[in-house]
Amino acid sequence: MRAITWVIMADDPISRAWPPPAVAALDDDQLAKCYAIADRGKASVRFNFVSSIDGAATADGLSGGLSGKADKRVFDILRRLCDVVLVGAGTLRAEGYGAMRLDEPSVQWRRANGLADQPVFAIVSGTLGLDAASAVFTEAPVRAIVVTIGSAGSARKEALSRVADVVACGEEKLDSRRMLAELAKRGLRQVLSEGGPTLFGTLLEADCVDEVCLTLSPLVAAGDAPRIAAGALHESRRMALHHVLVSDSTLMLRYRRTQAIPNGLAAH
């Protein structure tokens, strides 16, 4: 397979601090290799978040208040690598998502690497409180997926079914493993989730999170901002540090799961 190289340097260069050897000013191809998926045939769930030094997931109510050029660059690279972007409806509304469309260099990279031009956008909503006329659906380059539960209103299901594939996963609460299985049936094995905290907590509870990419913003937010994960776990999930990237005072950390899936939980 012939690879196409796009050398794009940012105003705020990103360097790899660890593991050695250190690499200065990574171009986009090198950055993509830092986040490469080793086995695309194996289903995997990766979450991407930004947080302040003191653990806040938002500033002024939005995660964008913590983000900078380096974080946005990693954000775009992670979308380039995935099959599907998974987002909770609350995050969709709060962050003002529009139609998800990758830029031309990303499309060309995906073609050269045997991927579809665009990843699929999947939205999780238990109430289906989504606007079917939103650009998220009407201007999407590929048909979106809405993941819901069986008890959601039939009228809303019908309205959204005109613009998206509506899939029920669970009756009264989200069945995370069923959702991932439904995505895998569609060939969407490499899942990138951009939050929010409730969705992250739900998939953590089901032990369905394989990787966490966390940008540590050099800000102290204080206040009552949420953490990146909501809810409670019966046991902690230990992860191993895979790399440390740095841009000025911003750190971009990649963690991967280390422990086996607990007994009784089938692999997704």
C-alpha atoms as a PDB file:
ATOM      1  CA  MET A   1       0.000   0.000   0.000  1.00  0.00           C
ATOM      2  CA  ARG A   2       1.459   3.364  -0.999  1.00  0.00           C
ATOM      3  CA  ALA A   3       1.552   5.895   1.813  1.00  0.00           C
ATOM      4  CA  ILE A   4       0.976   9.586   1.155  1.00  0.00           C
ATOM      5  CA  THR A   5       3.048  11.893   3.340  1.00  0.00           C
ATOM      6  CA  TRP A   6       1.579  15.189   4.481  1.00  0.00           C
ATOM      7  CA  VAL A   7       4.137  17.269   6.321  1.00  0.00           C
ATOM      8  CA  ILE A   8       2.211  19.922   8.222  1.00  0.00           C
ATOM      9  CA  MET A   9       3.970  21.833  10.975  1.00  0.00           C
ATOM     10  CA  ALA A  10       1.988  23.742  13.583  1.00  0.00           C
ATOM     11  CA  ASP A  11       2.729  27.149  15.080  1.00  0.00           C
ATOM     12  CA  ASP A  12       3.140  25.425  18.447  1.00  0.00           C
ATOM     13  CA  PRO A  13       5.264  22.333  17.685  1.00  0.00           C
ATOM     14  CA  ILE A  14       4.604  19.047  19.452  1.00  0.00           C
ATOM     15  CA  SER A  15       7.574  16.993  20.642  1.00  0.00           C
ATOM     16  CA  ARG A  16       7.756  13.488  22.056  1.00  0.00           C
ATOM     17  CA  ALA A  17       9.331  13.570  25.513  1.00  0.00           C
ATOM     18  CA  TRP A  18       8.875   9.869  26.325  1.00  0.00           C
ATOM     19  CA  PRO A  19       9.578   7.093  25.450  1.00  0.00           C
ATOM     20  CA  PRO A  20      13.115   7.733  24.215  1.00  0.00           C
ATOM     21  CA  PRO A  21      14.514   8.792  21.942  1.00  0.00           C
ATOM     22  CA  ALA A  22      12.901  12.202  22.244  1.00  0.00           C
ATOM     23  CA  VAL A  23      11.615  13.616  18.954  1.00  0.00           C
ATOM     24  CA  ALA A  24      11.237  17.348  18.364  1.00  0.00           C
ATOM     25  CA  ALA A  25       8.607  19.041  16.194  1.00  0.00           C
ATOM     26  CA  LEU A  26       6.551  16.042  15.057  1.00  0.00           C
ATOM     27  CA  ASP A  27       4.866  16.393  11.667  1.00  0.00           C
ATOM     28  CA  ASP A  28       1.365  14.979  11.195  1.00  0.00           C
ATOM     29  CA  ASP A  29       2.593  11.608   9.909  1.00  0.00           C
ATOM     30  CA  GLN A  30       4.849  11.209  12.946  1.00  0.00           C
ATOM     31  CA  LEU A  31       2.027  12.312  15.235  1.00  0.00           C
ATOM     32  CA  ALA A  32      -0.294   9.731  13.669  1.00  0.00           C
ATOM     33  CA  LYS A  33       2.329   7.042  14.344  1.00  0.00           C
ATOM     34  CA  CYS A  34       2.384   8.065  18.019  1.00  0.00           C
ATOM     35  CA  TYR A  35      -1.336   7.232  18.185  1.00  0.00           C
ATOM     36  CA  ALA A  36      -1.286   4.326  15.735  1.00  0.00           C
ATOM     37  CA  ILE A  37      -3.672   1.416  16.243  1.00  0.00           C
ATOM     38  CA  ALA A  38      -1.622  -1.775  16.289  1.00  0.00           C
ATOM     39  CA  ASP A  39      -4.386  -4.202  15.281  1.00  0.00           C
ATOM     40  CA  ARG A  40      -7.326  -2.699  13.403  1.00  0.00           C
ATOM     41  CA  GLY A  41      -9.030  -6.086  13.267  1.00  0.00           C
ATOM     42  CA  LYS A  42      -9.453  -6.096  17.033  1.00  0.00           C
ATOM     43  CA  ALA A  43     -12.207  -3.890  18.462  1.00  0.00           C
ATOM     44  CA  SER A  44     -10.920  -1.044  20.615  1.00  0.00           C
ATOM     45  CA  VAL A  45     -12.402   1.941  22.456  1.00  0.00           C
ATOM     46  CA  ARG A  46     -10.339   5.080  22.875  1.00  0.00           C
ATOM     47  CA  PHE A  47     -11.484   8.143  24.840  1.00  0.00           C
ATOM     48  CA  ASN A  48     -10.037  11.595  24.258  1.00  0.00           C
ATOM     49  CA  PHE A  49     -10.303  14.324  26.892  1.00  0.00           C
ATOM     50  CA  VAL A  50      -8.700  17.565  27.998  1.00  0.00           C
ATOM     51  CA  SER A  51      -8.348  18.468  31.653  1.00  0.00           C
ATOM     52  CA  SER A  52      -6.903  21.282  33.736  1.00  0.00           C
ATOM     53  CA  ILE A  53      -4.025  20.615  36.138  1.00  0.00           C
ATOM     54  CA  ASP A  54      -6.508  20.408  39.018  1.00  0.00           C
ATOM     55  CA  GLY A  55      -8.825  17.958  37.235  1.00  0.00           C
ATOM     56  CA  ALA A  56     -11.494  20.197  35.709  1.00  0.00           C
ATOM     57  CA  ALA A  57     -13.001  18.869  32.467  1.00  0.00           C
ATOM     58  CA  THR A  58     -14.335  22.292  31.445  1.00  0.00           C
ATOM     59  CA  ALA A  59     -13.563  25.986  31.729  1.00  0.00           C
ATOM     60  CA  ASP A  60     -16.521  28.360  31.554  1.00  0.00           C
ATOM     61  CA  GLY A  61     -18.695  25.303  30.965  1.00  0.00           C
ATOM     62  CA  LEU A  62     -16.898  24.017  27.868  1.00  0.00           C
ATOM     63  CA  SER A  63     -13.971  21.691  27.256  1.00  0.00           C
ATOM     64  CA  GLY A  64     -12.900  24.096  24.517  1.00  0.00           C
ATOM     65  CA  GLY A  65     -11.967  26.564  27.230  1.00  0.00           C
ATOM     66  CA  LEU A  66      -9.091  24.257  28.180  1.00  0.00           C
ATOM     67  CA  SER A  67      -7.957  23.428  24.661  1.00  0.00           C
ATOM     68  CA  GLY A  68      -5.159  24.955  22.611  1.00  0.00           C
ATOM     69  CA  LYS A  69      -3.526  24.477  19.209  1.00  0.00           C
ATOM     70  CA  ALA A  70      -1.624  21.340  20.198  1.00  0.00           C
ATOM     71  CA  ASP A  71      -4.701  19.696  21.732  1.00  0.00           C
ATOM     72  CA  LYS A  72      -6.792  20.529  18.661  1.00  0.00           C
ATOM     73  CA  ARG A  73      -4.115  19.015  16.436  1.00  0.00           C
ATOM     74  CA  VAL A  74      -4.163  15.731  18.380  1.00  0.00           C
ATOM     75  CA  PHE A  75      -7.980  15.869  18.342  1.00  0.00           C
ATOM     76  CA  ASP A  76      -7.906  15.949  14.525  1.00  0.00           C
ATOM     77  CA  ILE A  77      -5.297  13.176  14.267  1.00  0.00           C
ATOM     78  CA  LEU A  78      -7.361  10.860  16.474  1.00  0.00           C
ATOM     79  CA  ARG A  79     -10.391  11.395  14.241  1.00  0.00           C
ATOM     80  CA  ARG A  80      -8.227  10.551  11.243  1.00  0.00           C
ATOM     81  CA  LEU A  81      -7.372   7.147  12.743  1.00  0.00           C
ATOM     82  CA  CYS A  82     -10.799   5.921  13.891  1.00  0.00           C
ATOM     83  CA  ASP A  83     -13.764   4.165  12.266  1.00  0.00           C
ATOM     84  CA  VAL A  84     -16.422   5.931  14.333  1.00  0.00           C
ATOM     85  CA  VAL A  85     -16.599   8.975  16.608  1.00  0.00           C
ATOM     86  CA  LEU A  86     -18.889   8.322  19.588  1.00  0.00           C
ATOM     87  CA  VAL A  87     -20.339  11.250  21.553  1.00  0.00           C
ATOM     88  CA  GLY A  88     -22.996  11.635  24.226  1.00  0.00           C
ATOM     89  CA  ALA A  89     -25.946  13.869  23.351  1.00  0.00           C
ATOM     90  CA  GLY A  90     -25.197  16.228  26.253  1.00  0.00           C
ATOM     91  CA  THR A  91     -21.685  16.851  24.949  1.00  0.00           C
ATOM     92  CA  LEU A  92     -23.034  17.267  21.420  1.00  0.00           C
ATOM     93  CA  ARG A  93     -25.335  20.070  22.586  1.00  0.00           C
ATOM     94  CA  ALA A  94     -22.955  21.721  25.059  1.00  0.00           C
ATOM     95  CA  GLU A  95     -19.989  21.853  22.690  1.00  0.00           C
ATOM     96  CA  GLY A  96     -22.060  22.923  19.663  1.00  0.00           C
ATOM     97  CA  TYR A  97     -21.150  20.075  17.329  1.00  0.00           C
ATOM     98  CA  GLY A  98     -21.998  20.495  13.662  1.00  0.00           C
ATOM     99  CA  ALA A  99     -21.558  18.094  10.767  1.00  0.00           C
ATOM    100  CA  MET A 100     -18.379  16.053  11.273  1.00  0.00           C
ATOM    101  CA  ARG A 101     -16.217  16.286   8.165  1.00  0.00           C
ATOM    102  CA  LEU A 102     -12.465  15.646   7.987  1.00  0.00           C
ATOM    103  CA  ASP A 103     -10.221  17.926   5.946  1.00  0.00           C
ATOM    104  CA  GLU A 104      -8.736  16.873   2.614  1.00  0.00           C
ATOM    105  CA  PRO A 105      -5.287  15.842   3.928  1.00  0.00           C
ATOM    106  CA  SER A 106      -7.016  13.527   6.401  1.00  0.00           C
ATOM    107  CA  VAL A 107      -9.249  12.087   3.670  1.00  0.00           C
ATOM    108  CA  GLN A 108      -6.223  11.396   1.462  1.00  0.00           C
ATOM    109  CA  TRP A 109      -4.365   9.799   4.375  1.00  0.00           C
ATOM    110  CA  ARG A 110      -7.339   7.541   5.114  1.00  0.00           C
ATOM    111  CA  ARG A 111      -7.621   6.492   1.459  1.00  0.00           C
ATOM    112  CA  ALA A 112      -3.922   5.667   1.344  1.00  0.00           C
ATOM    113  CA  ASN A 113      -4.322   3.529   4.447  1.00  0.00           C
ATOM    114  CA  GLY A 114      -7.385   1.609   3.298  1.00  0.00           C
ATOM    115  CA  LEU A 115      -9.982   3.463   5.381  1.00  0.00           C
ATOM    116  CA  ALA A 116     -13.283   5.036   4.367  1.00  0.00           C
ATOM    117  CA  ASP A 117     -12.996   8.731   3.512  1.00  0.00           C
ATOM    118  CA  GLN A 118     -14.866   9.802   6.635  1.00  0.00           C
ATOM    119  CA  PRO A 119     -15.479   8.164  10.020  1.00  0.00           C
ATOM    120  CA  VAL A 120     -19.094   7.618  11.037  1.00  0.00           C
ATOM    121  CA  PHE A 121     -20.566   9.906  13.698  1.00  0.00           C
ATOM    122  CA  ALA A 122     -22.482   8.064  16.448  1.00  0.00           C
ATOM    123  CA  ILE A 123     -24.494   9.889  19.116  1.00  0.00           C
ATOM    124  CA  VAL A 124     -25.730   8.286  22.340  1.00  0.00           C
ATOM    125  CA  SER A 125     -29.086   9.603  23.568  1.00  0.00           C
ATOM    126  CA  GLY A 126     -31.445   7.862  25.970  1.00  0.00           C
ATOM    127  CA  THR A 127     -34.238  10.410  25.445  1.00  0.00           C
ATOM    128  CA  LEU A 128     -33.667  11.118  21.734  1.00  0.00           C
ATOM    129  CA  GLY A 129     -33.782  14.829  22.467  1.00  0.00           C
ATOM    130  CA  LEU A 130     -32.006  15.565  19.190  1.00  0.00           C
ATOM    131  CA  ASP A 131     -32.987  17.865  16.344  1.00  0.00           C
ATOM    132  CA  ALA A 132     -33.422  15.882  13.132  1.00  0.00           C
ATOM    133  CA  ALA A 133     -32.988  19.123  11.161  1.00  0.00           C
ATOM    134  CA  SER A 134     -29.562  19.790  12.708  1.00  0.00           C
ATOM    135  CA  ALA A 135     -26.520  20.044  10.428  1.00  0.00           C
ATOM    136  CA  VAL A 136     -25.113  17.126  12.461  1.00  0.00           C
ATOM    137  CA  PHE A 137     -27.483  14.970  10.393  1.00  0.00           C
ATOM    138  CA  THR A 138     -28.456  16.955   7.312  1.00  0.00           C
ATOM    139  CA  GLU A 139     -24.908  17.947   6.310  1.00  0.00           C
ATOM    140  CA  ALA A 140     -23.125  14.778   7.412  1.00  0.00           C
ATOM    141  CA  PRO A 141     -20.835  13.273   4.745  1.00  0.00           C
ATOM    142  CA  VAL A 142     -21.978   9.786   5.843  1.00  0.00           C
ATOM    143  CA  ARG A 143     -25.202   8.764   7.545  1.00  0.00           C
ATOM    144  CA  ALA A 144     -24.944   9.125  11.303  1.00  0.00           C
ATOM    145  CA  ILE A 145     -25.915   6.561  13.941  1.00  0.00           C
ATOM    146  CA  VAL A 146     -28.046   7.362  16.982  1.00  0.00           C
ATOM    147  CA  VAL A 147     -27.681   4.891  19.855  1.00  0.00           C
ATOM    148  CA  THR A 148     -30.623   4.875  22.241  1.00  0.00           C
ATOM    149  CA  ILE A 149     -32.620   2.577  24.531  1.00  0.00           C
ATOM    150  CA  GLY A 150     -35.797   0.622  23.913  1.00  0.00           C
ATOM    151  CA  SER A 151     -37.922   2.820  26.188  1.00  0.00           C
ATOM    152  CA  ALA A 152     -37.236   5.981  24.143  1.00  0.00           C
ATOM    153  CA  GLY A 153     -40.279   7.564  22.489  1.00  0.00           C
ATOM    154  CA  SER A 154     -41.388   5.955  19.217  1.00  0.00           C
ATOM    155  CA  ALA A 155     -42.277   9.296  17.578  1.00  0.00           C
ATOM    156  CA  ARG A 156     -38.763  10.604  18.128  1.00  0.00           C
ATOM    157  CA  LYS A 157     -37.299   7.351  16.853  1.00  0.00           C
ATOM    158  CA  GLU A 158     -39.346   7.690  13.680  1.00  0.00           C
ATOM    159  CA  ALA A 159     -38.280  11.309  13.105  1.00  0.00           C
ATOM    160  CA  LEU A 160     -34.585  10.580  13.627  1.00  0.00           C
ATOM    161  CA  SER A 161     -34.755   7.418  11.519  1.00  0.00           C
ATOM    162  CA  ARG A 162     -35.232   9.640   8.469  1.00  0.00           C
ATOM    163  CA  VAL A 163     -31.766  11.143   8.898  1.00  0.00           C
ATOM    164  CA  ALA A 164     -29.816   8.517  10.877  1.00  0.00           C
ATOM    165  CA  ASP A 165     -29.678   4.829  11.749  1.00  0.00           C
ATOM    166  CA  VAL A 166     -31.363   4.544  15.151  1.00  0.00           C
ATOM    167  CA  VAL A 167     -30.156   1.553  17.176  1.00  0.00           C
ATOM    168  CA  ALA A 168     -31.573   0.520  20.561  1.00  0.00           C
ATOM    169  CA  CYS A 169     -28.982  -1.002  22.906  1.00  0.00           C
ATOM    170  CA  GLY A 170     -30.670  -1.892  26.165  1.00  0.00           C
ATOM    171  CA  GLU A 171     -34.215  -1.279  27.365  1.00  0.00           C
ATOM    172  CA  GLU A 172     -34.011   1.132  30.316  1.00  0.00           C
ATOM    173  CA  LYS A 173     -30.262   1.878  30.334  1.00  0.00           C
ATOM    174  CA  LEU A 174     -27.456   1.752  27.808  1.00  0.00           C
ATOM    175  CA  ASP A 175     -25.928  -1.681  27.251  1.00  0.00           C
ATOM    176  CA  SER A 176     -22.349  -0.657  26.394  1.00  0.00           C
ATOM    177  CA  ARG A 177     -21.254  -4.062  25.142  1.00  0.00           C
ATOM    178  CA  ARG A 178     -24.282  -4.413  22.906  1.00  0.00           C
ATOM    179  CA  MET A 179     -23.592  -0.953  21.497  1.00  0.00           C
ATOM    180  CA  LEU A 180     -19.999  -1.858  20.651  1.00  0.00           C
ATOM    181  CA  ALA A 181     -21.149  -5.137  19.099  1.00  0.00           C
ATOM    182  CA  GLU A 182     -23.654  -3.246  16.926  1.00  0.00           C
ATOM    183  CA  LEU A 183     -20.922  -0.881  15.767  1.00  0.00           C
ATOM    184  CA  ALA A 184     -18.583  -3.807  15.041  1.00  0.00           C
ATOM    185  CA  LYS A 185     -21.288  -5.432  12.886  1.00  0.00           C
ATOM    186  CA  ARG A 186     -21.068  -2.347  10.691  1.00  0.00           C
ATOM    187  CA  GLY A 187     -17.286  -2.663  10.456  1.00  0.00           C
ATOM    188  CA  LEU A 188     -16.793   0.144  13.003  1.00  0.00           C
ATOM    189  CA  ARG A 189     -14.303  -1.509  15.330  1.00  0.00           C
ATOM    190  CA  GLN A 190     -12.010   1.399  16.138  1.00  0.00           C
ATOM    191  CA  VAL A 191     -14.104   3.637  18.353  1.00  0.00           C
ATOM    192  CA  LEU A 192     -13.009   7.137  19.351  1.00  0.00           C
ATOM    193  CA  SER A 193     -15.175   8.755  22.003  1.00  0.00           C
ATOM    194  CA  GLU A 194     -14.991  12.470  22.711  1.00  0.00           C
ATOM    195  CA  GLY A 195     -17.133  12.223  25.839  1.00  0.00           C
ATOM    196  CA  GLY A 196     -18.723  13.373  27.834  1.00  0.00           C
ATOM    197  CA  PRO A 197     -18.117  12.320  31.433  1.00  0.00           C
ATOM    198  CA  THR A 198     -21.366  10.325  31.766  1.00  0.00           C
ATOM    199  CA  LEU A 199     -20.641   8.237  28.674  1.00  0.00           C
ATOM    200  CA  PHE A 200     -17.067   7.715  29.855  1.00  0.00           C
ATOM    201  CA  GLY A 201     -18.288   6.574  33.262  1.00  0.00           C
ATOM    202  CA  THR A 202     -20.813   4.208  31.684  1.00  0.00           C
ATOM    203  CA  LEU A 203     -18.218   2.494  29.499  1.00  0.00           C
ATOM    204  CA  LEU A 204     -15.735   2.367  32.370  1.00  0.00           C
ATOM    205  CA  GLU A 205     -18.341   0.631  34.514  1.00  0.00           C
ATOM    206  CA  ALA A 206     -18.754  -2.002  31.775  1.00  0.00           C
ATOM    207  CA  ASP A 207     -14.951  -2.254  31.471  1.00  0.00           C
ATOM    208  CA  CYS A 208     -15.098  -1.332  27.806  1.00  0.00           C
ATOM    209  CA  VAL A 209     -12.373   1.347  27.763  1.00  0.00           C
ATOM    210  CA  ASP A 210      -9.076   0.283  26.211  1.00  0.00           C
ATOM    211  CA  GLU A 211      -7.316   3.602  25.968  1.00  0.00           C
ATOM    212  CA  VAL A 212      -7.441   7.158  27.321  1.00  0.00           C
ATOM    213  CA  CYS A 213      -5.792  10.073  25.561  1.00  0.00           C
ATOM    214  CA  LEU A 214      -5.599  12.976  27.984  1.00  0.00           C
ATOM    215  CA  THR A 215      -4.374  16.480  27.283  1.00  0.00           C
ATOM    216  CA  LEU A 216      -3.252  18.185  30.477  1.00  0.00           C
ATOM    217  CA  SER A 217      -3.826  21.899  30.022  1.00  0.00           C
ATOM    218  CA  PRO A 218      -1.478  24.197  32.010  1.00  0.00           C
ATOM    219  CA  LEU A 219      -4.402  25.883  33.773  1.00  0.00           C
ATOM    220  CA  VAL A 220      -5.837  25.764  37.282  1.00  0.00           C
ATOM    221  CA  ALA A 221      -9.625  26.056  37.023  1.00  0.00           C
ATOM    222  CA  ALA A 222     -10.920  25.482  40.602  1.00  0.00           C
ATOM    223  CA  GLY A 223     -14.674  25.992  40.929  1.00  0.00           C
ATOM    224  CA  ASP A 224     -17.161  23.154  40.526  1.00  0.00           C
ATOM    225  CA  ALA A 225     -16.315  21.959  37.006  1.00  0.00           C
ATOM    226  CA  PRO A 226     -16.932  18.230  36.401  1.00  0.00           C
ATOM    227  CA  ARG A 227     -14.224  15.586  36.124  1.00  0.00           C
ATOM    228  CA  ILE A 228     -13.711  13.722  32.850  1.00  0.00           C
ATOM    229  CA  ALA A 229     -15.554  10.682  34.255  1.00  0.00           C
ATOM    230  CA  ALA A 230     -18.899  10.638  36.067  1.00  0.00           C
ATOM    231  CA  GLY A 231     -20.369   7.829  38.162  1.00  0.00           C
ATOM    232  CA  ALA A 232     -18.870   5.230  40.457  1.00  0.00           C
ATOM    233  CA  LEU A 233     -16.781   2.127  39.800  1.00  0.00           C
ATOM    234  CA  HIS A 234     -16.819  -1.058  41.835  1.00  0.00           C
ATOM    235  CA  GLU A 235     -13.076  -1.298  41.284  1.00  0.00           C
ATOM    236  CA  SER A 236     -10.459   1.040  39.843  1.00  0.00           C
ATOM    237  CA  ARG A 237      -9.168   0.568  36.313  1.00  0.00           C
ATOM    238  CA  ARG A 238      -5.388   0.611  36.084  1.00  0.00           C
ATOM    239  CA  MET A 239      -3.816   1.858  32.855  1.00  0.00           C
ATOM    240  CA  ALA A 240      -0.224   2.081  31.620  1.00  0.00           C
ATOM    241  CA  LEU A 241       1.413   5.196  30.240  1.00  0.00           C
ATOM    242  CA  HIS A 242       2.250   4.717  26.561  1.00  0.00           C
ATOM    243  CA  HIS A 243       3.700   8.108  25.642  1.00  0.00           C
ATOM    244  CA  VAL A 244       4.174  11.722  26.724  1.00  0.00           C
ATOM    245  CA  LEU A 245       4.014  14.506  24.168  1.00  0.00           C
ATOM    246  CA  VAL A 246       4.697  18.113  25.051  1.00  0.00           C
ATOM    247  CA  SER A 247       3.969  21.473  23.444  1.00  0.00           C
ATOM    248  CA  ASP A 248       5.142  24.453  25.461  1.00  0.00           C
ATOM    249  CA  SER A 249       3.569  23.688  28.880  1.00  0.00           C
ATOM    250  CA  THR A 250       0.810  21.378  27.578  1.00  0.00           C
ATOM    251  CA  LEU A 251       1.170  17.616  28.049  1.00  0.00           C
ATOM    252  CA  MET A 252      -0.554  15.037  25.836  1.00  0.00           C
ATOM    253  CA  LEU A 253      -0.667  11.640  27.529  1.00  0.00           C
ATOM    254  CA  ARG A 254      -1.680   8.279  26.087  1.00  0.00           C
ATOM    255  CA  TYR A 255      -2.710   5.529  28.487  1.00  0.00           C
ATOM    256  CA  ARG A 256      -3.629   1.948  27.579  1.00  0.00           C
ATOM    257  CA  ARG A 257      -5.363  -0.784  29.573  1.00  0.00           C
ATOM    258  CA  THR A 258      -3.172  -3.179  31.505  1.00  0.00           C
ATOM    259  CA  GLN A 259      -5.525  -5.470  33.393  1.00  0.00           C
ATOM    260  CA  ALA A 260      -7.521  -8.371  32.032  1.00  0.00           C
ATOM    261  CA  ILE A 261     -11.265  -8.078  31.620  1.00  0.00           C
ATOM    262  CA  PRO A 262     -12.924  -9.302  34.849  1.00  0.00           C
ATOM    263  CA  ASN A 263     -14.527 -12.753  34.870  1.00  0.00           C
ATOM    264  CA  GLY A 264     -18.035 -12.793  33.452  1.00  0.00           C
ATOM    265  CA  LEU A 265     -17.497  -9.921  31.029  1.00  0.00           C
ATOM    266  CA  ALA A 266     -17.181 -11.117  27.436  1.00  0.00           C
ATOM    267  CA  ALA A 267     -14.656  -9.350  25.246  1.00  0.00           C
ATOM    268  CA  HIS A 268     -16.213  -6.799  22.906  1.00  0.00           C
END
